[in-house]
C-alpha cells in the first residue's frame, strides 16, 4: 500500500510539473502571438507611385542647377509641387477627386514626402523639367486603412482623415498609383515627429545599440575575465577577497536603474561626458554587465578539473603558464557563453539609458567613426519606450515591430551561446 501511495504521489508530481510547463508555454505563445500580431504590419508600408515633371522655374529660379542656390526653396515649395503633380496623375488615370479640396488631397501624402523629394532634387538637379517616377509615403491614416487600424466609421470621426479620402485611396490602388509592400526603410530610417509616424524607423537606434554593445564587449570582457582569473587562481583567501566576492554577488542583484543613477552622477555630472551619447550608455551598461560576466567566468574556471593544472605544474610549468595555457582555454566555452548572455542582457536594458538622456528625440545619425560614440544617439529598447508613449496608433505598431527586431537579436544571441557551449564544451 505504501509503495502504491509513493507511485501515486510521484505521478501527481509529474502531472503538476507538466501542467506548469504547459501553462508557461501557453503564456509565452500568447505573448509572442500578441507581439507578432501588433508588430508585423510595421514591416509593410503604403506608398504612392507618382510620375513627376517638376518645373525648374519654381524650384530653380536662377536656372543654374546649383544645389547651393536651390536650397533656398524650402519643403513648402516642394509640397505644392507634389500636390499639383498628384492632381495631374489622378487626371491622367481618369480618377475623380472632385469631392476633395486641395488640403485634403495634399494630406493624403506623408509630410515627409516634400523633404524626400527636395533631397532627391538637390542630389540630382537634372531631375527638373523632365518626367521621372518617384515613390512617396502615403499618410499614416491611409496606411492604417490598409492595415485594419482605420475604417470608414472611424474616419468619419477623425480630423486627420475622411471617408472620401479612403474612397480615393481605393481608386488609386485599383489604378496602380498606390501600393502596400515590404518596408525596408523601417530598418535604416531615423525617428520621425508625431505628425509623420509612417516615416519613423530604427536606423539611429540600431546604430546606437551597436556602438554600446561594442563598448561593453571591449571593456567588460577583459576586465571580467581578468577579475575572475585573479579571484579564482591568484588571490589569497582573506577577509578582503571575501569582501570583494560578496560585493560582486550583491552588484549582480542591484536594479539596473541604480547603474543609471551612478552613470548620471559619475560620467555626466563629474566627468562631463555628453548626454545621450553611446559612450555614456556603454559605460553604464559595462558597470551593470561586469558582475554577471565575472560570476559566469568564475564558474567556468572552477568547473575545470584541478588535475589539469596539477599536471601542468608537475611537468614544470609556472603557475601563470598553467592558468593561461591550460585552465583558461578549457574554461573558454563557459566564459564565452556568459559573455554573450551578458551582452544580450545589456542590449535589452532601458532604465539606465533613460536616466542619461537617451530618451531624447534624435534624428541625426551618429558618425560612422570612433567619434560617433560621442554623438547624440538612442538605443533600441529606449526607442521602443519612446514610441509606446506617443498618442498615434501607428507608433504603437512601430514599437511592436521594434520589439520583434529586439527579440530576434536576443534569441539569436542566446542561440549562439547555446551552440558554442555545446560545440566546445568538454566532458570531464
Protein backbone atom coordinates (compact mmCIF):
# COMPACT_ATOMS: atom_id res chain seq x y z
CA UNK A 1 0.00 0.00 0.00
CA UNK A 2 2.85 2.38 0.84
CA UNK A 3 4.51 1.60 -2.48
CA UNK A 4 1.32 2.39 -4.42
CA UNK A 5 0.95 5.68 -2.49
CA UNK A 6 4.52 6.66 -3.33
CA UNK A 7 3.98 5.86 -7.01
CA UNK A 8 0.74 7.85 -6.99
CA UNK A 9 2.49 10.81 -5.34
CA UNK A 10 5.28 10.68 -7.92
CA UNK A 11 2.72 10.56 -10.74
CA UNK A 12 0.88 13.55 -9.29
CA UNK A 13 4.17 15.45 -9.01
CA UNK A 14 4.96 14.73 -12.66
CA UNK A 15 1.50 15.88 -13.66
CA UNK A 16 1.91 19.12 -11.69
CA UNK A 17 5.20 19.77 -13.46
CA UNK A 18 3.67 19.02 -16.87
CA UNK A 19 0.74 21.36 -16.16
CA UNK A 20 3.11 24.11 -15.01
CA UNK A 21 5.26 23.77 -18.15
CA UNK A 22 2.15 23.73 -20.36
CA UNK A 23 0.76 26.87 -18.74
CA UNK A 24 4.12 28.59 -19.10
CA UNK A 25 4.33 27.70 -22.79
CA UNK A 26 0.77 28.92 -23.36
CA UNK A 27 1.60 32.27 -21.72
CA UNK A 28 4.79 32.62 -23.77
CA UNK A 29 2.98 31.75 -27.00
CA UNK A 30 0.20 34.21 -26.16
CA UNK A 31 2.78 36.93 -25.52
CA UNK A 32 4.66 36.23 -28.75
CA UNK A 33 1.38 35.97 -30.66
CA UNK A 34 0.18 39.37 -29.45
CA UNK A 35 3.54 40.99 -30.26
CA UNK A 36 3.62 39.45 -33.73
CA UNK A 37 0.01 40.42 -34.47
CA UNK A 38 0.66 44.02 -33.46
CA UNK A 39 4.18 44.33 -34.90
CA UNK A 40 4.22 42.51 -38.24
CA UNK A 41 2.26 45.32 -40.01
CA UNK A 42 5.19 47.65 -39.21
CA UNK A 43 7.26 45.77 -41.80
CA UNK A 44 4.81 46.82 -44.53
CA UNK A 45 4.14 50.35 -45.72
CA UNK A 46 1.80 52.06 -48.17
CA UNK A 47 3.46 54.11 -50.93
CA UNK A 48 2.08 56.35 -53.66
CA UNK A 49 3.65 55.92 -57.09
CA UNK A 50 3.86 59.25 -58.89
CA UNK A 51 5.17 60.35 -62.26
CA UNK A 52 6.64 63.79 -61.69
CA UNK A 53 7.61 66.57 -64.05
CA UNK A 54 8.89 69.31 -61.79
CA UNK A 55 9.04 72.86 -63.19
CA UNK A 56 12.50 74.32 -62.90
CA UNK A 57 11.05 77.84 -62.94
CA UNK A 58 9.65 77.29 -59.44
CA UNK A 59 12.33 75.11 -57.88
CA UNK A 60 15.44 76.59 -59.54
CA UNK A 61 14.68 80.25 -60.08
CA UNK A 62 18.28 81.10 -61.01
CA UNK A 63 18.37 78.42 -63.72
CA UNK A 64 21.92 77.45 -62.78
CA UNK A 65 21.15 73.98 -61.38
CA UNK A 66 23.42 74.92 -58.45
CA UNK A 67 22.33 72.86 -55.39
CA UNK A 68 23.54 75.58 -53.00
CA UNK A 69 21.26 78.16 -54.62
CA UNK A 70 18.41 75.67 -54.97
CA UNK A 71 18.45 75.13 -51.20
CA UNK A 72 16.64 78.46 -50.87
CA UNK A 73 13.45 76.67 -51.94
CA UNK A 74 12.04 75.10 -48.77
CA UNK A 75 9.93 71.97 -48.42
CA UNK A 76 6.83 74.17 -48.74
CA UNK A 77 7.61 74.74 -52.42
CA UNK A 78 8.11 71.01 -52.96
CA UNK A 79 4.88 70.26 -51.09
CA UNK A 80 2.92 72.40 -53.54
CA UNK A 81 4.70 70.74 -56.46
CA UNK A 82 3.79 67.26 -55.17
CA UNK A 83 0.15 68.28 -54.72
CA UNK A 84 -0.05 69.65 -58.27
CA UNK A 85 1.64 66.56 -59.67
CA UNK A 86 -0.73 64.28 -57.75
CA UNK A 87 -3.68 66.10 -59.27
CA UNK A 88 -2.19 65.65 -62.73
CA UNK A 89 -1.56 61.93 -62.10
CA UNK A 90 -5.15 61.46 -60.98
CA UNK A 91 -6.45 63.24 -64.08
CA UNK A 92 -4.24 61.10 -66.32
CA UNK A 93 -5.59 57.95 -64.63
CA UNK A 94 -9.19 59.15 -65.01
CA UNK A 95 -9.81 59.19 -61.26
CA UNK A 96 -12.42 61.62 -59.92
CA UNK A 97 -11.17 63.64 -56.92
CA UNK A 98 -13.71 66.48 -57.08
CA UNK A 99 -15.04 65.72 -53.59
CA UNK A 100 -11.70 66.66 -52.02
CA UNK A 101 -10.27 70.13 -51.64
CA UNK A 102 -6.57 70.89 -52.14
CA UNK A 103 -5.74 70.48 -48.44
CA UNK A 104 -7.39 67.06 -48.21
CA UNK A 105 -5.63 65.97 -51.37
CA UNK A 106 -2.26 67.12 -50.07
CA UNK A 107 -2.86 65.41 -46.71
CA UNK A 108 -3.11 62.02 -48.39
CA UNK A 109 0.65 62.19 -48.81
CA UNK A 110 3.03 61.99 -45.85
CA UNK A 111 4.52 65.23 -44.57
CA UNK A 112 7.89 63.51 -45.05
CA UNK A 113 7.43 63.39 -48.84
CA UNK A 114 8.45 67.02 -49.59
CA UNK A 115 11.70 66.54 -47.68
CA UNK A 116 12.37 63.29 -49.58
CA UNK A 117 11.76 64.97 -52.93
CA UNK A 118 13.83 68.03 -52.02
CA UNK A 119 16.77 65.81 -51.04
CA UNK A 120 16.50 63.85 -54.31
CA UNK A 121 16.41 67.03 -56.44
CA UNK A 122 19.32 68.65 -54.60
CA UNK A 123 21.30 65.46 -55.08
CA UNK A 124 20.45 65.30 -58.79
CA UNK A 125 19.27 68.68 -60.20
CA UNK A 126 18.88 67.12 -63.64
CA UNK A 127 15.52 65.73 -62.45
CA UNK A 128 13.94 69.12 -63.12
CA UNK A 129 11.97 69.73 -66.33
CA UNK A 130 11.83 66.06 -67.27
CA UNK A 131 9.42 63.26 -66.30
CA UNK A 132 10.59 60.67 -63.76
CA UNK A 133 8.99 58.17 -61.41
CA UNK A 134 9.09 58.89 -57.71
CA UNK A 135 7.69 56.96 -54.76
CA UNK A 136 6.40 58.83 -51.72
CA UNK A 137 4.95 57.70 -48.41
CA UNK A 138 1.19 57.75 -48.01
CA UNK A 139 -0.31 59.43 -44.96
CA UNK A 140 -0.27 57.34 -41.80
CA UNK A 141 -4.07 57.12 -41.74
CA UNK A 142 -4.13 55.85 -45.34
CA UNK A 143 -1.50 53.29 -44.37
CA UNK A 144 -3.56 52.34 -41.31
CA UNK A 145 -6.62 51.83 -43.51
CA UNK A 146 -4.87 49.03 -45.38
CA UNK A 147 -3.61 47.52 -42.14
CA UNK A 148 -7.02 47.44 -40.47
CA UNK A 149 -6.46 50.26 -37.95
CA UNK A 150 -8.68 52.74 -39.78
CA UNK A 151 -12.21 52.13 -41.07
CA UNK A 152 -14.85 54.28 -42.74
CA UNK A 153 -16.60 54.54 -39.38
CA UNK A 154 -13.52 55.80 -37.53
CA UNK A 155 -12.57 58.05 -40.47
CA UNK A 156 -15.89 59.87 -40.14
CA UNK A 157 -14.86 60.86 -36.59
CA UNK A 158 -11.20 61.59 -37.32
CA UNK A 159 -9.98 65.08 -38.22
CA UNK A 160 -6.87 63.55 -39.84
CA UNK A 161 -8.76 61.57 -42.50
CA UNK A 162 -12.17 61.44 -44.17
CA UNK A 163 -14.17 58.65 -45.83
CA UNK A 164 -13.83 60.44 -49.19
CA UNK A 165 -10.04 60.18 -48.90
CA UNK A 166 -10.34 56.45 -48.27
CA UNK A 167 -12.56 56.08 -51.34
CA UNK A 168 -9.96 57.93 -53.40
CA UNK A 169 -7.20 55.72 -51.95
CA UNK A 170 -9.09 52.61 -53.10
CA UNK A 171 -9.43 54.11 -56.59
CA UNK A 172 -5.70 54.92 -56.66
CA UNK A 173 -4.86 51.38 -55.58
CA UNK A 174 -7.04 49.95 -58.34
CA UNK A 175 -5.25 52.21 -60.86
CA UNK A 176 -1.79 51.15 -59.61
CA UNK A 177 -0.92 54.52 -58.10
CA UNK A 178 -0.93 53.17 -54.54
CA UNK A 179 0.79 50.02 -53.28
CA UNK A 180 1.48 48.36 -49.94
CA UNK A 181 4.78 46.50 -49.86
CA UNK A 182 7.66 45.46 -47.60
CA UNK A 183 9.04 48.42 -45.65
CA UNK A 184 12.82 48.07 -45.80
CA UNK A 185 13.23 51.71 -44.73
CA UNK A 186 11.99 50.72 -41.27
CA UNK A 187 15.46 49.34 -40.53
CA UNK A 188 17.54 52.35 -41.56
CA UNK A 189 15.39 55.48 -41.42
CA UNK A 190 15.69 57.67 -38.30
CA UNK A 191 12.88 58.52 -35.90
CA UNK A 192 10.13 60.88 -37.05
CA UNK A 193 7.97 63.52 -35.40
CA UNK A 194 4.45 62.93 -34.08
CA UNK A 195 2.99 64.24 -37.36
CA UNK A 196 4.67 61.61 -39.56
CA UNK A 197 4.66 58.18 -37.84
CA UNK A 198 4.76 56.46 -41.23
CA UNK A 199 8.34 57.75 -41.67
CA UNK A 200 9.70 56.53 -38.32
CA UNK A 201 12.50 53.98 -38.45
CA UNK A 202 15.10 52.21 -36.33
CA UNK A 203 18.27 53.44 -38.04
CA UNK A 204 19.63 55.68 -35.28
CA UNK A 205 18.55 53.26 -32.53
CA UNK A 206 20.23 50.26 -34.18
CA UNK A 207 23.47 52.16 -34.73
CA UNK A 208 23.44 53.48 -31.15
CA UNK A 209 22.83 49.98 -29.77
CA UNK A 210 25.67 48.62 -31.91
CA UNK A 211 28.08 51.22 -30.55
CA UNK A 212 27.08 50.46 -26.96
CA UNK A 213 27.39 46.69 -27.38
CA UNK A 214 30.88 47.17 -28.85
CA UNK A 215 31.87 49.37 -25.89
CA UNK A 216 30.51 46.81 -23.42
CA UNK A 217 32.35 43.99 -25.18
CA UNK A 218 35.67 45.86 -25.33
CA UNK A 219 35.55 46.96 -21.67
CA UNK A 220 33.55 44.31 -19.82
CA UNK A 221 35.08 41.12 -21.22
CA UNK A 222 38.78 41.77 -20.44
CA UNK A 223 38.01 43.25 -17.01
CA UNK A 224 35.64 40.42 -16.11
CA UNK A 225 37.95 37.61 -17.25
CA UNK A 226 40.99 39.13 -15.53
CA UNK A 227 39.00 39.61 -12.31
CA UNK A 228 37.68 36.05 -12.41
CA UNK A 229 41.16 34.59 -13.05
CA UNK A 230 42.67 36.61 -10.22
CA UNK A 231 39.97 35.71 -7.69
CA UNK A 232 39.98 32.01 -8.57
CA UNK A 233 43.67 31.35 -9.14
CA UNK A 234 45.86 34.02 -7.56
CA UNK A 235 44.00 35.95 -4.84
CA UNK A 236 44.82 34.99 -1.26
CA UNK A 237 41.92 33.78 0.87
CA UNK A 238 41.37 36.55 3.40
CA UNK A 239 38.69 38.99 4.52
CA UNK A 240 39.47 41.45 1.70
CA UNK A 241 38.89 38.96 -1.12
CA UNK A 242 35.78 37.68 0.69
CA UNK A 243 34.51 41.27 0.77
CA UNK A 244 35.16 41.63 -2.98
CA UNK A 245 33.31 38.40 -3.76
CA UNK A 246 30.32 39.41 -1.64
CA UNK A 247 30.15 42.80 -3.33
CA UNK A 248 30.31 41.24 -6.79
CA UNK A 249 27.39 38.98 -5.91
CA UNK A 250 25.46 41.91 -4.48
CA UNK A 251 26.12 44.08 -7.54
CA UNK A 252 24.69 41.37 -9.79
CA UNK A 253 21.38 41.76 -7.94
CA UNK A 254 21.29 45.57 -7.91
CA UNK A 255 18.41 47.04 -10.01
CA UNK A 256 19.66 48.38 -13.32
CA UNK A 257 18.27 51.85 -12.67
CA UNK A 258 20.85 52.26 -9.89
CA UNK A 259 23.59 51.97 -12.51
CA UNK A 260 21.81 54.69 -14.46
CA UNK A 261 21.94 56.98 -11.40
CA UNK A 262 25.62 56.15 -10.97
CA UNK A 263 26.29 56.88 -14.65
CA UNK A 264 24.44 60.20 -14.43
CA UNK A 265 26.45 61.27 -11.39
CA UNK A 266 29.85 59.92 -12.47
CA UNK A 267 30.05 60.11 -16.24
CA UNK A 268 27.85 63.15 -16.97
CA UNK A 269 27.95 65.37 -13.89
CA UNK A 270 31.52 64.61 -12.77
CA UNK A 271 33.38 63.60 -15.96
CA UNK A 272 31.30 65.98 -18.14
CA UNK A 273 30.69 63.45 -20.91
CA UNK A 274 27.90 64.33 -23.38
CA UNK A 275 24.35 63.35 -22.55
CA UNK A 276 22.59 60.67 -24.63
CA UNK A 277 25.90 59.57 -26.17
CA UNK A 278 26.75 55.88 -26.78
CA UNK A 279 29.95 56.25 -24.74
CA UNK A 280 27.96 57.07 -21.59
CA UNK A 281 25.40 54.36 -22.26
CA UNK A 282 28.17 51.84 -22.94
CA UNK A 283 29.97 52.72 -19.70
CA UNK A 284 26.76 52.38 -17.68
CA UNK A 285 25.97 49.02 -19.27
CA UNK A 286 29.58 47.91 -18.71
CA UNK A 287 29.22 48.52 -14.97
CA UNK A 288 25.97 46.59 -15.00
CA UNK A 289 27.38 43.68 -17.03
CA UNK A 290 30.65 43.22 -15.13
CA UNK A 291 29.22 41.24 -12.16
CA UNK A 292 27.26 38.90 -14.45
CA UNK A 293 30.26 38.04 -16.64
CA UNK A 294 32.62 37.76 -13.62
CA UNK A 295 30.32 35.22 -11.94
CA UNK A 296 29.96 33.22 -15.18
CA UNK A 297 33.72 33.28 -15.80
CA UNK A 298 34.49 32.17 -12.25
CA UNK A 299 32.02 29.30 -12.56
CA UNK A 300 33.63 28.21 -15.84
CA UNK A 301 37.15 28.34 -14.34
CA UNK A 302 36.02 26.45 -11.24
CA UNK A 303 34.49 23.72 -13.43
CA UNK A 304 37.89 22.86 -14.95
CA UNK A 305 39.25 19.75 -13.15
CA UNK A 306 42.16 20.59 -10.80
CA UNK A 307 44.09 17.68 -12.31
CA UNK A 308 44.72 19.71 -15.49
CA UNK A 309 46.52 22.44 -13.60
CA UNK A 310 48.28 19.91 -11.39
CA UNK A 311 49.56 18.01 -14.43
CA UNK A 312 50.89 21.22 -15.98
CA UNK A 313 52.63 22.20 -12.73
CA UNK A 314 54.06 18.71 -12.41
CA UNK A 315 55.61 18.98 -15.86
CA UNK A 316 57.42 22.17 -14.89
CA UNK A 317 55.01 24.89 -15.99
CA UNK A 318 54.80 28.02 -13.89
CA UNK A 319 51.56 28.93 -12.17
CA UNK A 320 50.84 31.62 -14.77
CA UNK A 321 51.58 29.22 -17.62
CA UNK A 322 49.33 26.56 -16.10
CA UNK A 323 46.45 29.01 -15.77
CA UNK A 324 46.72 30.81 -19.12
CA UNK A 325 47.85 27.86 -21.26
CA UNK A 326 45.62 25.13 -19.82
CA UNK A 327 42.91 26.27 -17.37
CA UNK A 328 41.71 29.37 -19.26
CA UNK A 329 41.43 27.66 -22.70
CA UNK A 330 39.49 24.82 -21.07
CA UNK A 331 37.13 27.36 -19.45
CA UNK A 332 36.76 29.43 -22.64
CA UNK A 333 33.38 27.93 -23.74
CA UNK A 334 31.76 28.77 -20.41
CA UNK A 335 33.31 32.24 -20.36
CA UNK A 336 32.13 32.87 -23.92
CA UNK A 337 28.61 31.75 -23.05
CA UNK A 338 28.49 34.06 -20.03
CA UNK A 339 29.81 36.92 -22.15
CA UNK A 340 27.14 36.50 -24.81
CA UNK A 341 24.38 36.31 -22.21
CA UNK A 342 25.76 39.42 -20.51
CA UNK A 343 25.79 41.29 -23.83
CA UNK A 344 22.23 40.16 -24.52
CA UNK A 345 21.18 41.49 -21.12
CA UNK A 346 22.90 44.81 -21.83
CA UNK A 347 21.23 45.04 -25.25
CA UNK A 348 17.78 44.84 -23.69
CA UNK A 349 18.28 47.32 -20.83
CA UNK A 350 16.26 50.53 -20.79
CA UNK A 351 16.24 52.10 -17.32
CA UNK A 352 19.92 53.17 -17.14
CA UNK A 353 19.70 54.73 -20.61
CA UNK A 354 16.62 56.76 -19.72
CA UNK A 355 18.47 58.43 -16.85
CA UNK A 356 21.40 59.52 -19.03
CA UNK A 357 19.13 61.26 -21.54
CA UNK A 358 18.95 58.72 -24.39
CA UNK A 359 15.17 59.12 -24.44
CA UNK A 360 15.59 62.43 -26.30
CA UNK A 361 14.29 62.75 -29.87
CA UNK A 362 17.34 62.08 -32.06
CA UNK A 363 17.07 62.25 -35.83
CA UNK A 364 20.71 62.64 -36.87
CA UNK A 365 22.84 59.51 -37.20
CA UNK A 366 25.99 59.29 -35.07
CA UNK A 367 29.17 59.39 -37.14
CA UNK A 368 30.45 56.14 -38.64
CA UNK A 369 33.82 56.59 -36.91
CA UNK A 370 35.24 56.41 -33.38
CA UNK A 371 33.95 59.96 -32.86
CA UNK A 372 30.42 58.62 -33.27
CA UNK A 373 30.38 57.27 -29.72
CA UNK A 374 30.29 60.89 -28.50
CA UNK A 375 27.40 61.95 -30.79
CA UNK A 376 23.78 62.05 -29.56
CA UNK A 377 22.00 58.77 -30.18
CA UNK A 378 19.38 56.44 -28.81
CA UNK A 379 19.07 52.69 -28.33
CA UNK A 380 16.63 50.04 -29.45
CA UNK A 381 14.84 49.47 -26.10
CA UNK A 382 14.66 53.22 -25.48
CA UNK A 383 13.19 53.75 -28.95
CA UNK A 384 10.51 51.18 -28.11
CA UNK A 385 9.68 53.07 -24.91
CA UNK A 386 9.62 56.37 -26.80
CA UNK A 387 7.13 55.08 -29.37
CA UNK A 388 4.81 53.48 -26.83
CA UNK A 389 4.22 56.79 -25.02
CA UNK A 390 3.15 58.60 -28.21
CA UNK A 391 -0.51 59.01 -28.99
CA UNK A 392 -0.77 57.89 -32.61
CA UNK A 393 -1.61 54.17 -33.01
CA UNK A 394 0.93 53.96 -35.83
CA UNK A 395 3.72 54.48 -33.27
CA UNK A 396 2.39 51.58 -31.17
CA UNK A 397 2.61 49.45 -34.31
CA UNK A 398 6.17 50.67 -34.84
CA UNK A 399 7.02 49.86 -31.21
CA UNK A 400 5.71 46.29 -31.61
CA UNK A 401 7.79 45.93 -34.78
CA UNK A 402 10.87 47.14 -32.90
CA UNK A 403 10.12 44.59 -30.15
CA UNK A 404 10.18 41.85 -32.78
CA UNK A 405 13.57 43.09 -34.01
CA UNK A 406 14.91 43.19 -30.43
CA UNK A 407 13.57 39.70 -29.69
CA UNK A 408 15.24 38.39 -32.85
CA UNK A 409 18.57 39.79 -31.66
CA UNK A 410 18.08 38.34 -28.17
CA UNK A 411 17.04 34.91 -29.46
CA UNK A 412 19.96 34.87 -31.89
CA UNK A 413 22.48 35.76 -29.18
CA UNK A 414 21.10 33.12 -26.81
CA UNK A 415 21.08 30.52 -29.59
CA UNK A 416 24.71 31.33 -30.40
CA UNK A 417 25.60 30.93 -26.72
CA UNK A 418 23.92 27.50 -26.60
CA UNK A 419 25.55 26.34 -29.85
CA UNK A 420 29.02 27.47 -28.76
CA UNK A 421 28.64 25.82 -25.37
CA UNK A 422 27.59 22.52 -26.89
CA UNK A 423 30.24 22.68 -29.60
CA UNK A 424 33.22 23.47 -27.42
CA UNK A 425 32.15 22.14 -24.05
CA UNK A 426 34.41 19.37 -22.76
CA UNK A 427 33.12 16.43 -20.79
CA UNK A 428 35.39 15.66 -17.90
